[in-house]
Every structure is written in C-alpha cells, then in structure tokens.
C-alpha cells in the first residue's frame, strides 16, 4: 500500500481547511509539479499549498486509513 499523507465526523463549512489530510504520496508530488488537485481519503479535493505539519490530522482521513491497514 502506498504511503498516504494527511476531517471531523460532523463537518461544518470550512472545517476541511483546519486539518491536514491523507493523500497518496505520488499524488502530492504530481500536484506539486503539475498543479493538479488531489483527493484525500475523506473526499476533500484541493491543490495543496500549506505545510500539513501545522494542522491536526483530519479525523475522517485517520479513521479511513486505520480501517485500510486492517
């Protein structure tokens, strides 16, 4: 399984912006080179541009990732 990079059970508008999300590592690289959007495990779609280390991990992404590891 490819490495994944970094959502709350009940989300309000804008909550996606408050978290770092899990995304396939190769998609992050592609986005950096091509400027294409990525899609997180939780479904958020965006073009990464912020340091994910500055935000808590999205709870939905984390839950989904943990279920995939089983």
Protein backbone atom coordinates (compact mmCIF):
# COMPACT_ATOMS: atom_id res chain seq x y z
CA UNK A 1 0.00 0.00 0.00
CA UNK A 2 1.36 3.40 -0.96
CA UNK A 3 2.24 5.89 1.71
CA UNK A 4 -0.52 8.31 2.49
CA UNK A 5 -0.26 11.90 3.65
CA UNK A 6 -2.60 13.64 5.62
CA UNK A 7 -11.65 15.60 8.66
CA UNK A 8 -14.16 15.54 11.67
CA UNK A 9 -17.19 13.27 11.88
CA UNK A 10 -19.58 16.20 11.74
CA UNK A 11 -18.11 18.81 9.47
CA UNK A 12 -19.20 22.36 9.04
CA UNK A 13 -18.35 24.57 6.09
CA UNK A 14 -14.66 25.37 6.13
CA UNK A 15 -13.65 22.58 8.52
CA UNK A 16 -11.68 20.86 5.77
CA UNK A 17 -9.29 23.80 5.83
CA UNK A 18 -8.47 23.24 9.50
CA UNK A 19 -6.92 19.80 9.04
CA UNK A 20 -4.13 18.04 7.23
CA UNK A 21 -5.39 15.14 5.13
CA UNK A 22 -4.17 11.74 3.99
CA UNK A 23 -3.39 11.65 0.26
CA UNK A 24 -1.34 9.20 -1.82
CA UNK A 25 2.26 10.38 -1.73
CA UNK A 26 2.73 10.16 -5.50
CA UNK A 27 -0.33 12.41 -5.97
CA UNK A 28 1.24 15.08 -3.74
CA UNK A 29 4.35 15.03 -5.93
CA UNK A 30 2.26 15.18 -9.11
CA UNK A 31 0.27 18.10 -7.70
CA UNK A 32 3.45 19.98 -6.83
CA UNK A 33 4.80 19.54 -10.35
CA UNK A 34 1.61 19.86 -12.40
CA UNK A 35 -0.60 21.98 -10.12
CA UNK A 36 -3.38 19.39 -10.26
CA UNK A 37 -5.78 18.91 -7.34
CA UNK A 38 -5.52 15.91 -5.02
CA UNK A 39 -8.32 13.98 -3.33
CA UNK A 40 -7.94 12.99 0.32
CA UNK A 41 -9.30 9.76 1.77
CA UNK A 42 -12.18 11.76 3.26
CA UNK A 43 -13.11 13.18 -0.15
CA UNK A 44 -11.69 16.70 0.16
CA UNK A 45 -10.36 17.92 -3.19
CA UNK A 46 -7.83 20.76 -3.36
CA UNK A 47 -4.40 21.85 -4.58
CA UNK A 48 -2.05 21.54 -1.59
CA UNK A 49 -0.15 24.65 -0.66
CA UNK A 50 0.16 24.71 3.12
CA UNK A 51 2.52 22.89 5.46
CA UNK A 52 0.45 19.93 6.76
CA UNK A 53 2.61 19.78 9.90
CA UNK A 54 0.90 22.97 11.13
CA UNK A 55 -2.56 21.36 11.31
CA UNK A 56 -4.09 18.42 13.18
CA UNK A 57 -4.82 15.27 11.17
CA UNK A 58 -8.32 15.01 9.71
CA UNK A 59 -10.29 12.57 11.92
CA UNK A 60 -12.13 11.07 8.92
CA UNK A 61 -8.91 10.50 6.96
CA UNK A 62 -7.30 8.92 10.00
CA UNK A 63 -10.30 6.62 10.62
CA UNK A 64 -10.39 5.54 6.97
CA UNK A 65 -6.63 4.98 6.87
CA UNK A 66 -6.75 2.87 10.04
CA UNK A 67 -9.55 0.73 8.59
CA UNK A 68 -7.46 0.14 5.42
CA UNK A 69 -4.49 -1.10 7.45
CA UNK A 70 -6.55 -3.99 8.91
